[in-house]
């Protein structure tokens, strides 16, 4: 949802500013980024790459898409003005150069390249850019916070847009201008068909066919406007929710690349002769969130009691490592590092496990001894294990607690209702952009309640600070605000932060030039200015 998705950074990589530049054979020395060893041979065109996802995509319109796995498909079909490089630095793609920023950060002028076309043959125009940036707000989609600060967009000419903001927004370039562009005429003709039957983008792959829960088939767009065509002919996405099954499909060659290598399967992939493991620090944050609206968890003392019920350090060590790392704050570890946040201080806010203290605080808060706490989790083994760790602690303290695992559709319909009967806690993750706003605003601001925020947490002063941090253009001013905001939500136990996952992908040895991207939404990145995946024939 928004710049992130339900489920800061490394140094700038080399880039010449052209999203399709280079010879498309790998960027460095040929073997350094290979999924397999490549043998130093020349790239071969043709073939189909099968990519095992953790969850089935559900829709394909970038205006409304808000889950990782649908975005993984969209990133092949659609393109942004500015794409992320090997890390999370935006570089020109459909745009010809970096934006011109005027009026103290409230005006952005973007020039389009001469040449990009959509897959129906129409040119990508400034009008399409305007439409793509304004539609989320006009249609009140979950992506609206990405662009709600836009006041007006003027189409200067077919290749120039002038974007005026209502207020300065620090991460506008990083989060808003990296959104995908859609063809206005095609989408307006039939939005439902555009979303579920025949999406049309400007990317190197075009939509072929799909059956939810089974596959999505893309084919190379032979008339792609870029300088380089993909080596692959076809790209198939197949959802395989069970992690061991994903690795078995990789071992047997049923899939060529598998997403989401878990702690349980890590060693299997890492030690195998016929595949390799690619792992990068991920831009992700996973947590237990409380229902602050109804029920016992609306009481801060109860939330603190539950903090005492679990050793999150131990839970992450038991169930997440080495595929992830303990995270003590509601921003991804790479973002916290790049902003130089005092994470060591924040780590001291949480409590060590003390179930006697849990029982004492719950009793003092008046929670009935027969109360049954309800923790809901999506279909993810790791988040379920974290939920079970919390429920076990409550059980040991003398209280009933159940973990309910829902399919994604049911979970997404349930976690943000604020109803005590639906949940007291939920386990979720957020994969946003490389800026604290992507997490703090979407997960805690009351304007996102019922959309991306299921906590219903109230704190008027904090909400004002979140907006101020969002609108400030000075990074030092923003850092100071976040260093006040984040400890407040930690001390109020709105969330129990848990971990940040690494992007961990298994790659068969015959897959060459595959490079895992730190933002899961952009995997598999099979064609970029620094790589072009090919298969040994």
Protein backbone atom coordinates (compact mmCIF):
# COMPACT_ATOMS: atom_id res chain seq x y z
CA UNK A 1 0.00 0.00 0.00
CA UNK A 2 1.29 3.40 -0.97
CA UNK A 3 5.01 3.51 -1.65
CA UNK A 4 5.27 0.39 0.34
CA UNK A 5 3.50 -2.88 0.38
CA UNK A 6 2.11 -5.30 2.93
CA UNK A 7 3.93 -8.39 3.54
CA UNK A 8 18.57 4.82 3.32
CA UNK A 9 20.53 2.46 1.96
CA UNK A 10 23.52 0.87 0.41
CA UNK A 11 25.95 3.03 -1.50
CA UNK A 12 25.15 4.38 -4.93
CA UNK A 13 25.85 1.92 -7.68
CA UNK A 14 27.28 2.91 -11.03
CA UNK A 15 24.71 4.30 -13.40
CA UNK A 16 24.78 6.58 -16.38
CA UNK A 17 21.23 7.81 -15.88
CA UNK A 18 19.78 5.79 -18.74
CA UNK A 19 17.43 3.10 -17.53
CA UNK A 20 18.16 0.88 -20.50
CA UNK A 21 21.73 1.82 -21.30
CA UNK A 22 24.67 -0.53 -21.58
CA UNK A 23 25.01 -3.76 -23.46
CA UNK A 24 22.61 -5.56 -21.14
CA UNK A 25 25.06 -8.32 -20.36
CA UNK A 26 25.69 -7.67 -16.73
CA UNK A 27 27.34 -4.41 -15.89
CA UNK A 28 30.52 -5.53 -14.07
CA UNK A 29 32.91 -8.27 -15.10
CA UNK A 30 30.37 -10.80 -16.32
CA UNK A 31 30.61 -13.35 -13.51
CA UNK A 32 30.31 -11.21 -10.41
CA UNK A 33 26.54 -10.89 -10.69
CA UNK A 34 25.78 -14.23 -12.30
CA UNK A 35 23.18 -16.47 -10.73
CA UNK A 36 25.26 -19.35 -12.07
CA UNK A 37 28.92 -19.20 -12.93
CA UNK A 38 28.16 -18.38 -16.55
CA UNK A 39 31.38 -20.04 -17.63
CA UNK A 40 32.45 -16.79 -19.27
CA UNK A 41 30.28 -17.68 -22.28
CA UNK A 42 28.32 -15.24 -24.38
CA UNK A 43 24.67 -14.58 -23.50
CA UNK A 44 22.08 -16.70 -25.29
CA UNK A 45 18.66 -15.39 -26.24
CA UNK A 46 15.49 -17.38 -25.76
CA UNK A 47 13.83 -19.53 -23.16
CA UNK A 48 11.41 -19.09 -20.30
CA UNK A 49 12.35 -18.23 -16.73
CA UNK A 50 10.01 -19.59 -14.05
CA UNK A 51 9.97 -17.50 -10.88
CA UNK A 52 8.47 -18.99 -7.71
CA UNK A 53 6.71 -16.36 -5.64
CA UNK A 54 5.57 -16.72 -2.05
CA UNK A 55 2.01 -15.57 -2.74
CA UNK A 56 -0.15 -15.31 -5.84
CA UNK A 57 -0.58 -11.87 -7.45
CA UNK A 58 -4.12 -10.57 -7.34
CA UNK A 59 -4.20 -7.52 -9.67
CA UNK A 60 -2.00 -5.60 -12.09
CA UNK A 61 -3.03 -1.94 -12.23
CA UNK A 62 -0.27 0.18 -10.61
CA UNK A 63 -2.83 2.78 -9.61
CA UNK A 64 -4.43 0.33 -7.17
CA UNK A 65 -1.86 -2.44 -6.58
CA UNK A 66 -0.69 -2.57 -2.97
CA UNK A 67 0.89 -5.98 -2.44
CA UNK A 68 4.44 -7.11 -3.14
CA UNK A 69 3.64 -10.03 -5.39
CA UNK A 70 1.39 -8.11 -7.75
CA UNK A 71 4.02 -5.37 -7.85
CA UNK A 72 6.64 -7.93 -8.88
CA UNK A 73 4.63 -8.57 -12.03
CA UNK A 74 3.89 -4.88 -12.56
CA UNK A 75 7.60 -4.02 -12.47
CA UNK A 76 8.08 -6.06 -15.66
CA UNK A 77 5.14 -4.56 -17.56
CA UNK A 78 5.16 -0.94 -16.38
CA UNK A 79 7.88 1.66 -15.96
CA UNK A 80 8.42 4.78 -13.82
CA UNK A 81 9.82 8.19 -14.53
CA UNK A 82 12.70 7.30 -12.24
CA UNK A 83 13.78 3.74 -11.53
CA UNK A 84 15.88 2.51 -8.64
CA UNK A 85 19.45 1.54 -9.41
CA UNK A 86 21.12 -1.54 -7.87
CA UNK A 87 20.41 0.06 -4.51
CA UNK A 88 17.55 2.47 -3.84
CA UNK A 89 18.78 5.60 -5.57
CA UNK A 90 16.36 6.95 -8.21
CA UNK A 91 17.81 7.45 -11.68
CA UNK A 92 16.10 8.70 -14.87
CA UNK A 93 14.19 6.07 -16.85
CA UNK A 94 11.17 7.42 -18.75
CA UNK A 95 12.47 10.84 -17.71
CA UNK A 96 15.40 12.24 -19.65
CA UNK A 97 17.21 13.73 -16.65
CA UNK A 98 16.82 14.42 -12.95
CA UNK A 99 13.91 16.71 -12.11
CA UNK A 100 14.37 20.44 -11.83
CA UNK A 101 13.36 21.43 -8.29
CA UNK A 102 12.15 24.97 -7.65
CA UNK A 103 10.25 27.07 -5.09
CA UNK A 104 11.91 25.57 -2.01
CA UNK A 105 11.05 22.04 -2.99
CA UNK A 106 7.40 22.59 -3.89
CA UNK A 107 7.79 22.53 -7.69
CA UNK A 108 9.23 19.69 -9.79
CA UNK A 109 9.67 19.97 -13.54
CA UNK A 110 10.20 16.66 -15.32
CA UNK A 111 11.23 16.19 -18.94
CA UNK A 112 10.35 12.90 -20.65
CA UNK A 113 12.69 11.07 -22.97
CA UNK A 114 11.92 11.11 -26.66
CA UNK A 115 10.95 7.58 -27.65
CA UNK A 116 9.15 5.66 -24.86
CA UNK A 117 5.96 4.01 -26.08
CA UNK A 118 3.24 1.92 -24.54
CA UNK A 119 2.62 -1.61 -25.74
CA UNK A 120 -0.35 -0.45 -27.84
CA UNK A 121 2.03 1.79 -29.82
CA UNK A 122 1.02 5.10 -28.25
CA UNK A 123 3.80 7.40 -27.02
CA UNK A 124 4.23 7.97 -23.30
CA UNK A 125 3.17 11.59 -22.85
CA UNK A 126 3.14 14.22 -20.15
CA UNK A 127 -0.64 13.77 -19.96
CA UNK A 128 -0.16 10.11 -19.04
CA UNK A 129 2.26 11.15 -16.31
CA UNK A 130 -0.23 13.67 -14.95
CA UNK A 131 -3.00 11.10 -14.98
CA UNK A 132 -0.87 8.44 -13.27
CA UNK A 133 0.13 10.78 -10.44
CA UNK A 134 -3.33 12.20 -9.80
CA UNK A 135 -5.50 9.08 -10.18
CA UNK A 136 -4.71 7.53 -6.75
CA UNK A 137 -6.08 10.58 -4.92
CA UNK A 138 -9.03 11.08 -7.24
CA UNK A 139 -10.02 7.42 -6.91
CA UNK A 140 -9.16 7.27 -3.20
CA UNK A 141 -6.97 4.21 -3.61
CA UNK A 142 -4.65 2.91 -0.88
CA UNK A 143 -1.78 4.47 -2.84
CA UNK A 144 -3.10 8.00 -2.36
CA UNK A 145 -0.60 8.97 0.41
CA UNK A 146 2.22 8.68 -2.13
CA UNK A 147 0.88 11.64 -4.07
CA UNK A 148 -1.66 13.42 -1.88
CA UNK A 149 0.70 16.37 -1.42
CA UNK A 150 0.36 17.29 -5.11
CA UNK A 151 -1.59 20.49 -5.65
CA UNK A 152 -1.62 20.82 -9.45
CA UNK A 153 0.12 19.32 -12.47
CA UNK A 154 0.54 21.39 -15.60
CA UNK A 155 1.23 19.72 -18.93
CA UNK A 156 3.72 22.19 -20.38
CA UNK A 157 4.04 20.19 -23.60
CA UNK A 158 3.88 16.53 -24.64
CA UNK A 159 7.17 15.79 -22.91
CA UNK A 160 7.17 18.18 -19.95
CA UNK A 161 5.19 18.24 -16.71
CA UNK A 162 5.28 20.85 -13.98
CA UNK A 163 4.24 19.42 -10.62
CA UNK A 164 3.34 21.89 -7.86
CA UNK A 165 3.01 20.59 -4.32
CA UNK A 166 0.79 21.92 -1.56
CA UNK A 167 3.80 21.76 0.72
CA UNK A 168 7.37 20.58 0.62
CA UNK A 169 7.61 16.81 0.85
CA UNK A 170 11.10 15.52 1.51
CA UNK A 171 10.79 12.07 -0.14
CA UNK A 172 8.77 13.21 -3.18
CA UNK A 173 11.55 12.34 -5.65
CA UNK A 174 12.33 9.02 -3.96
CA UNK A 175 8.79 7.79 -3.33
CA UNK A 176 6.37 9.59 -5.67
CA UNK A 177 8.33 10.03 -8.88
CA UNK A 178 9.31 6.35 -8.83
CA UNK A 179 5.69 5.26 -9.31
CA UNK A 180 4.78 3.52 -12.56
CA UNK A 181 3.16 5.39 -15.46
CA UNK A 182 0.02 4.01 -17.13
CA UNK A 183 -1.67 4.95 -20.44
CA UNK A 184 -4.64 7.12 -19.60
CA UNK A 185 -6.71 6.25 -22.69
CA UNK A 186 -6.40 2.49 -22.24
CA UNK A 187 -7.10 2.46 -18.51
CA UNK A 188 -10.06 4.83 -18.78
CA UNK A 189 -11.68 2.68 -21.45
CA UNK A 190 -12.14 -0.22 -19.01
CA UNK A 191 -10.46 -0.04 -15.61
CA UNK A 192 -11.49 -3.54 -14.56
CA UNK A 193 -10.11 -5.11 -17.72
CA UNK A 194 -6.93 -3.05 -17.39
CA UNK A 195 -6.46 -4.37 -13.88
CA UNK A 196 -7.33 -8.03 -14.32
CA UNK A 197 -7.30 -8.97 -18.02
CA UNK A 198 -5.12 -6.80 -20.24
CA UNK A 199 -2.79 -4.36 -18.50
CA UNK A 200 -0.78 -2.23 -20.92
CA UNK A 201 2.52 -0.66 -19.93
CA UNK A 202 5.74 0.53 -21.53
CA UNK A 203 7.99 -2.16 -20.06
CA UNK A 204 10.01 -4.90 -21.78
CA UNK A 205 7.43 -7.62 -21.02
CA UNK A 206 3.78 -7.66 -21.93
CA UNK A 207 0.92 -9.49 -20.30
CA UNK A 208 -0.04 -12.83 -21.82
CA UNK A 209 -2.24 -14.86 -19.46
CA UNK A 210 -2.91 -15.62 -15.82
CA UNK A 211 -4.95 -17.77 -13.48
CA UNK A 212 -5.02 -16.58 -9.88
CA UNK A 213 -3.26 -18.99 -7.57
CA UNK A 214 -1.58 -20.81 -10.46
CA UNK A 215 0.50 -18.62 -12.77
CA UNK A 216 1.07 -15.31 -14.53
CA UNK A 217 2.64 -15.49 -18.00
CA UNK A 218 4.50 -12.58 -19.56
CA UNK A 219 6.18 -12.50 -22.97
CA UNK A 220 8.93 -10.26 -24.29
CA UNK A 221 7.58 -7.21 -26.08
CA UNK A 222 9.51 -7.39 -29.33
CA UNK A 223 8.90 -3.71 -30.08
CA UNK A 224 10.18 -2.51 -26.71
CA UNK A 225 11.33 1.09 -27.08
CA UNK A 226 14.54 0.65 -25.05
CA UNK A 227 18.02 0.14 -26.43
CA UNK A 228 18.15 -3.48 -25.25
CA UNK A 229 15.62 -6.31 -25.44
CA UNK A 230 15.47 -9.01 -22.79
CA UNK A 231 17.39 -12.17 -23.58
CA UNK A 232 14.43 -14.15 -22.24
CA UNK A 233 11.41 -14.90 -24.42
CA UNK A 234 9.03 -15.55 -21.56
CA UNK A 235 8.69 -14.97 -17.83
CA UNK A 236 6.34 -17.08 -15.70
CA UNK A 237 5.37 -16.34 -12.10
CA UNK A 238 4.14 -19.32 -10.07
CA UNK A 239 2.98 -18.94 -6.46
CA UNK A 240 4.33 -21.60 -4.09
CA UNK A 241 3.39 -20.59 -0.55
CA UNK A 242 5.14 -23.42 1.31
CA UNK A 243 8.85 -22.59 1.64
CA UNK A 244 10.15 -26.17 1.48
CA UNK A 245 8.11 -26.81 -1.64
CA UNK A 246 9.62 -23.71 -3.27
CA UNK A 247 13.11 -25.09 -2.69
CA UNK A 248 12.14 -28.54 -3.94
CA UNK A 249 10.78 -26.96 -7.13
CA UNK A 250 14.13 -25.21 -7.51
CA UNK A 251 16.13 -28.38 -6.91
CA UNK A 252 14.11 -30.33 -9.47
CA UNK A 253 14.15 -27.57 -12.09
CA UNK A 254 10.40 -26.94 -11.95
CA UNK A 255 11.38 -23.36 -11.22
CA UNK A 256 14.53 -21.46 -12.12
CA UNK A 257 14.50 -18.81 -9.40
CA UNK A 258 12.72 -18.97 -6.03
CA UNK A 259 11.84 -16.02 -3.83
CA UNK A 260 11.72 -15.99 -0.04
CA UNK A 261 14.37 -18.49 1.07
CA UNK A 262 13.51 -19.07 4.72
CA UNK A 263 15.72 -19.95 7.70
CA UNK A 264 14.56 -23.57 7.41
CA UNK A 265 15.71 -23.84 3.79
CA UNK A 266 18.67 -21.47 3.90
CA UNK A 267 21.38 -24.10 4.33
CA UNK A 268 19.82 -26.37 1.69
CA UNK A 269 20.11 -23.68 -0.98
CA UNK A 270 23.45 -22.35 0.19
CA UNK A 271 25.16 -25.76 0.13
CA UNK A 272 23.58 -27.15 -3.05
CA UNK A 273 25.73 -27.82 -6.10
CA UNK A 274 23.09 -26.88 -8.64
CA UNK A 275 21.97 -23.51 -7.24
CA UNK A 276 23.19 -20.48 -5.33
CA UNK A 277 21.78 -18.14 -2.73
CA UNK A 278 21.61 -14.39 -3.28
CA UNK A 279 20.94 -12.41 -0.11
CA UNK A 280 20.82 -8.66 0.39
CA UNK A 281 19.65 -6.50 3.33
CA UNK A 282 16.00 -5.83 2.59
CA UNK A 283 13.97 -2.64 2.87
CA UNK A 284 11.40 -4.26 5.16
CA UNK A 285 9.96 -4.05 8.66
CA UNK A 286 7.93 -6.80 10.42
CA UNK A 287 6.05 -6.35 13.65
CA UNK A 288 3.24 -7.25 16.04
CA UNK A 289 0.65 -4.44 16.15
CA UNK A 290 -1.97 -3.81 18.81
CA UNK A 291 -5.64 -2.94 18.49
CA UNK A 292 -5.66 0.37 20.39
CA UNK A 293 -9.32 0.94 19.58
CA UNK A 294 -11.27 -1.77 21.41
CA UNK A 295 -10.63 -4.42 24.01
CA UNK A 296 -7.89 -4.77 26.63
CA UNK A 297 -5.10 -3.78 24.23
CA UNK A 298 -6.57 -0.27 24.04
CA UNK A 299 -4.95 0.13 27.49
CA UNK A 300 -1.20 0.99 27.29
CA UNK A 301 -0.60 -1.03 30.47
CA UNK A 302 -1.95 -4.16 28.79
CA UNK A 303 0.28 -3.57 25.77
CA UNK A 304 3.26 -3.24 28.09
CA UNK A 305 2.24 -6.45 29.87
CA UNK A 306 2.27 -8.27 26.53
CA UNK A 307 5.72 -6.84 25.79
CA UNK A 308 6.88 -8.68 28.93
CA UNK A 309 5.29 -11.90 27.64
CA UNK A 310 7.74 -12.45 24.80
CA UNK A 311 11.49 -12.35 24.24
CA UNK A 312 11.50 -10.99 20.72
CA UNK A 313 15.28 -11.41 20.64
CA UNK A 314 14.87 -15.13 21.22
CA UNK A 315 11.95 -15.47 18.81
CA UNK A 316 13.93 -13.82 16.00
CA UNK A 317 16.96 -15.96 16.80
CA UNK A 318 14.85 -19.13 16.78
CA UNK A 319 12.67 -18.52 13.75
CA UNK A 320 14.06 -15.73 11.55
CA UNK A 321 17.86 -15.83 11.45
CA UNK A 322 19.82 -16.07 9.17
CA UNK A 323 17.12 -14.95 6.72
CA UNK A 324 16.50 -11.83 8.76
CA UNK A 325 17.80 -9.71 11.61
CA UNK A 326 16.34 -8.35 14.84
CA UNK A 327 14.91 -4.87 14.37
CA UNK A 328 14.01 -2.66 17.34
CA UNK A 329 12.40 0.25 15.47
CA UNK A 330 9.60 0.76 12.94
CA UNK A 331 11.91 1.46 10.01
CA UNK A 332 14.04 -1.05 8.08
CA UNK A 333 17.60 -1.57 9.26
CA UNK A 334 19.20 -0.06 6.10
CA UNK A 335 17.01 3.04 6.48
CA UNK A 336 17.90 3.39 10.16
CA UNK A 337 21.58 3.06 9.29
CA UNK A 338 21.48 5.60 6.49
CA UNK A 339 19.68 8.11 8.74
CA UNK A 340 22.07 7.43 11.61
CA UNK A 341 19.21 6.81 14.02
CA UNK A 342 20.09 5.93 17.65
CA UNK A 343 18.89 2.33 17.35
CA UNK A 344 20.99 1.17 20.31
CA UNK A 345 19.02 3.53 22.54
CA UNK A 346 15.72 2.41 21.07
CA UNK A 347 16.64 -1.25 21.67
CA UNK A 348 16.55 -0.56 25.42
CA UNK A 349 12.88 0.51 25.36
CA UNK A 350 11.49 -3.01 24.96
CA UNK A 351 11.33 -5.42 27.90
CA UNK A 352 12.95 -8.77 28.53
CA UNK A 353 10.60 -11.71 28.98
CA UNK A 354 9.01 -11.79 32.44
CA UNK A 355 5.66 -13.59 32.41
CA UNK A 356 5.15 -12.99 36.15
CA UNK A 357 5.23 -9.27 35.37
CA UNK A 358 2.82 -9.91 32.49
CA UNK A 359 0.34 -11.57 34.87
CA UNK A 360 0.74 -8.80 37.45
CA UNK A 361 0.13 -5.98 34.96
CA UNK A 362 -2.82 -7.72 33.27
CA UNK A 363 -4.48 -8.38 36.62
CA UNK A 364 -3.88 -4.79 37.75
CA UNK A 365 -5.42 -3.55 34.47
CA UNK A 366 -8.56 -5.56 35.20
CA UNK A 367 -8.28 -8.05 32.35
CA UNK A 368 -10.56 -11.00 33.23
CA UNK A 369 -8.70 -14.26 33.86
CA UNK A 370 -10.86 -16.00 31.26
CA UNK A 371 -10.18 -13.43 28.54
CA UNK A 372 -9.00 -14.97 25.26
CA UNK A 373 -6.53 -12.81 23.34
CA UNK A 374 -6.73 -13.13 19.56
CA UNK A 375 -3.67 -12.72 17.35
CA UNK A 376 -4.24 -12.84 13.59
CA UNK A 377 -1.52 -13.58 11.06
CA UNK A 378 -1.33 -13.85 7.26
CA UNK A 379 -0.30 -17.08 5.50
CA UNK A 380 3.37 -16.77 6.43
CA UNK A 381 5.20 -19.25 8.65
CA UNK A 382 7.64 -16.69 10.04
CA UNK A 383 4.99 -14.23 11.16
CA UNK A 384 2.92 -17.09 12.54
CA UNK A 385 5.89 -18.20 14.66
CA UNK A 386 6.27 -14.69 16.06
CA UNK A 387 2.55 -14.65 16.88
CA UNK A 388 2.83 -18.05 18.56
CA UNK A 389 5.75 -16.77 20.65
CA UNK A 390 3.50 -14.01 22.00
CA UNK A 391 0.59 -16.37 22.63
CA UNK A 392 2.85 -18.84 24.46
CA UNK A 393 3.98 -16.11 26.83
CA UNK A 394 0.40 -15.11 27.54
CA UNK A 395 -0.48 -18.75 28.18
CA UNK A 396 2.40 -19.02 30.64
CA UNK A 397 1.10 -15.90 32.39
CA UNK A 398 -2.23 -17.67 32.87
CA UNK A 399 -4.24 -16.17 30.00
CA UNK A 400 -5.74 -17.79 26.93
CA UNK A 401 -4.43 -16.62 23.59
CA UNK A 402 -5.04 -18.00 20.11
CA UNK A 403 -3.27 -17.43 16.82
CA UNK A 404 -5.54 -17.42 13.78
CA UNK A 405 -3.90 -17.79 10.38
CA UNK A 406 -5.95 -16.35 7.52
CA UNK A 407 -5.52 -16.36 3.77
CA UNK A 408 -4.37 -13.00 2.45
CA UNK A 409 -7.77 -11.82 1.33
CA UNK A 410 -9.39 -12.54 4.68
CA UNK A 411 -6.46 -11.09 6.59
CA UNK A 412 -6.50 -7.83 4.62
CA UNK A 413 -10.23 -7.52 5.18
CA UNK A 414 -9.80 -8.05 8.93
CA UNK A 415 -6.63 -6.48 10.30
CA UNK A 416 -7.74 -2.84 9.97
CA UNK A 417 -11.34 -2.97 11.26
CA UNK A 418 -10.44 -1.93 14.80
CA UNK A 419 -12.98 -4.44 16.14
CA UNK A 420 -12.07 -6.39 19.27
CA UNK A 421 -13.92 -9.44 17.97
CA UNK A 422 -11.62 -9.48 14.94
CA UNK A 423 -8.26 -9.06 16.64
CA UNK A 424 -6.32 -7.82 19.65
CA UNK A 425 -3.04 -8.06 17.77
CA UNK A 426 -1.89 -8.72 14.23
CA UNK A 427 1.43 -9.75 12.72
CA UNK A 428 2.32 -7.90 9.56
CA UNK A 429 5.17 -6.44 7.56
CA UNK A 430 5.72 -3.33 5.49
CA UNK A 431 8.01 -3.05 2.49
CA UNK A 432 8.19 0.62 1.68
CA UNK A 433 10.68 3.01 0.20
CA UNK A 434 14.07 4.14 1.50
CA UNK A 435 12.66 6.92 3.69
CA UNK A 436 11.24 6.89 7.26
CA UNK A 437 8.04 8.60 6.10
CA UNK A 438 7.05 5.51 4.15
CA UNK A 439 6.77 3.64 7.46
CA UNK A 440 5.97 6.21 10.13
CA UNK A 441 3.15 7.90 8.23
CA UNK A 442 1.51 4.80 6.81
CA UNK A 443 1.72 2.67 9.95
CA UNK A 444 0.98 5.22 12.68
CA UNK A 445 -0.76 8.33 11.37
CA UNK A 446 -4.47 8.43 12.10
CA UNK A 447 -5.16 9.52 8.53
CA UNK A 448 -4.23 5.97 7.50
CA UNK A 449 -6.54 4.23 9.95
CA UNK A 450 -8.58 1.62 8.14
CA UNK A 451 -6.21 1.70 5.18
CA UNK A 452 -2.64 0.83 6.13
CA UNK A 453 -2.98 1.38 9.88
CA UNK A 454 -5.00 -1.12 11.90
CA UNK A 455 -3.88 0.14 15.31
CA UNK A 456 -6.30 3.09 15.78
CA UNK A 457 -3.66 4.69 17.99
CA UNK A 458 -4.47 8.26 19.08
CA UNK A 459 -1.95 10.95 19.96
CA UNK A 460 -2.70 14.37 18.52
CA UNK A 461 0.71 15.87 19.24
CA UNK A 462 2.45 12.92 17.63
CA UNK A 463 0.22 13.14 14.54
CA UNK A 464 1.22 16.77 14.14
CA UNK A 465 4.89 15.79 14.39
CA UNK A 466 4.46 13.05 11.78
CA UNK A 467 2.98 15.58 9.35
CA UNK A 468 5.72 18.10 10.15
CA UNK A 469 8.40 15.47 9.49
CA UNK A 470 6.67 14.60 6.24
CA UNK A 471 6.60 18.18 5.02
CA UNK A 472 9.99 19.39 6.15
CA UNK A 473 12.57 19.73 3.39
CA UNK A 474 15.63 19.88 5.66
CA UNK A 475 16.93 16.40 6.40
CA UNK A 476 18.38 17.40 9.79
CA UNK A 477 15.01 18.80 10.84
CA UNK A 478 13.31 15.60 9.72
CA UNK A 479 15.83 13.42 11.55
CA UNK A 480 15.26 15.35 14.79
CA UNK A 481 11.51 14.88 14.48
CA UNK A 482 11.79 11.15 13.83
CA UNK A 483 14.13 10.81 16.79
CA UNK A 484 11.22 12.11 18.89
CA UNK A 485 8.37 10.30 17.10
CA UNK A 486 9.82 6.80 17.04
CA UNK A 487 10.64 6.50 20.77
CA UNK A 488 7.13 7.72 21.55
CA UNK A 489 5.41 4.95 19.58
CA UNK A 490 7.87 2.42 21.04
CA UNK A 491 7.18 3.54 24.62
CA UNK A 492 3.43 3.47 23.97
CA UNK A 493 3.81 -0.08 22.58
CA UNK A 494 1.76 0.63 19.46
CA UNK A 495 3.91 -2.05 17.82
CA UNK A 496 6.30 -4.65 19.08
CA UNK A 497 9.01 -4.36 16.39
CA UNK A 498 10.35 -7.74 15.39
CA UNK A 499 12.69 -8.06 12.42
CA UNK A 500 13.84 -6.96 9.00
CA UNK A 501 14.09 -9.71 6.41
CA UNK A 502 16.92 -10.05 3.97
CA UNK A 503 15.96 -10.37 0.32
CA UNK A 504 16.94 -14.02 -0.12
CA UNK A 505 16.57 -15.68 -3.50
CA UNK A 506 17.60 -19.11 -4.73
CA UNK A 507 18.96 -19.21 -8.29
CA UNK A 508 19.67 -22.27 -10.42
CA UNK A 509 23.19 -22.55 -11.82
CA UNK A 510 22.07 -22.23 -15.44
CA UNK A 511 20.52 -18.79 -14.76
CA UNK A 512 23.05 -16.09 -15.61
CA UNK A 513 23.31 -12.42 -14.70
CA UNK A 514 20.58 -12.51 -12.08
CA UNK A 515 20.94 -9.75 -9.48
CA UNK A 516 18.67 -9.60 -6.42
CA UNK A 517 17.29 -6.14 -5.68
CA UNK A 518 16.96 -4.92 -2.06
CA UNK A 519 13.33 -3.93 -2.67
CA UNK A 520 11.37 -7.16 -3.05
CA UNK A 521 8.81 -5.44 -5.27
CA UNK A 522 11.41 -5.18 -8.04
CA UNK A 523 12.43 -8.81 -8.16
CA UNK A 524 13.02 -10.57 -10.41
CA UNK A 525 14.92 -7.75 -12.08
CA UNK A 526 15.66 -9.50 -15.35
CA UNK A 527 16.51 -6.43 -17.47
CA UNK A 528 18.12 -3.22 -16.32
CA UNK A 529 21.05 -0.99 -17.16
CA UNK A 530 23.30 -3.37 -15.19
CA UNK A 531 21.97 -6.85 -16.01
CA UNK A 532 20.06 -8.91 -18.58
CA UNK A 533 19.21 -12.42 -17.41
CA UNK A 534 19.86 -15.33 -19.76
CA UNK A 535 19.65 -19.11 -19.53
CA UNK A 536 22.22 -21.71 -20.55
CA UNK A 537 20.67 -23.63 -23.43
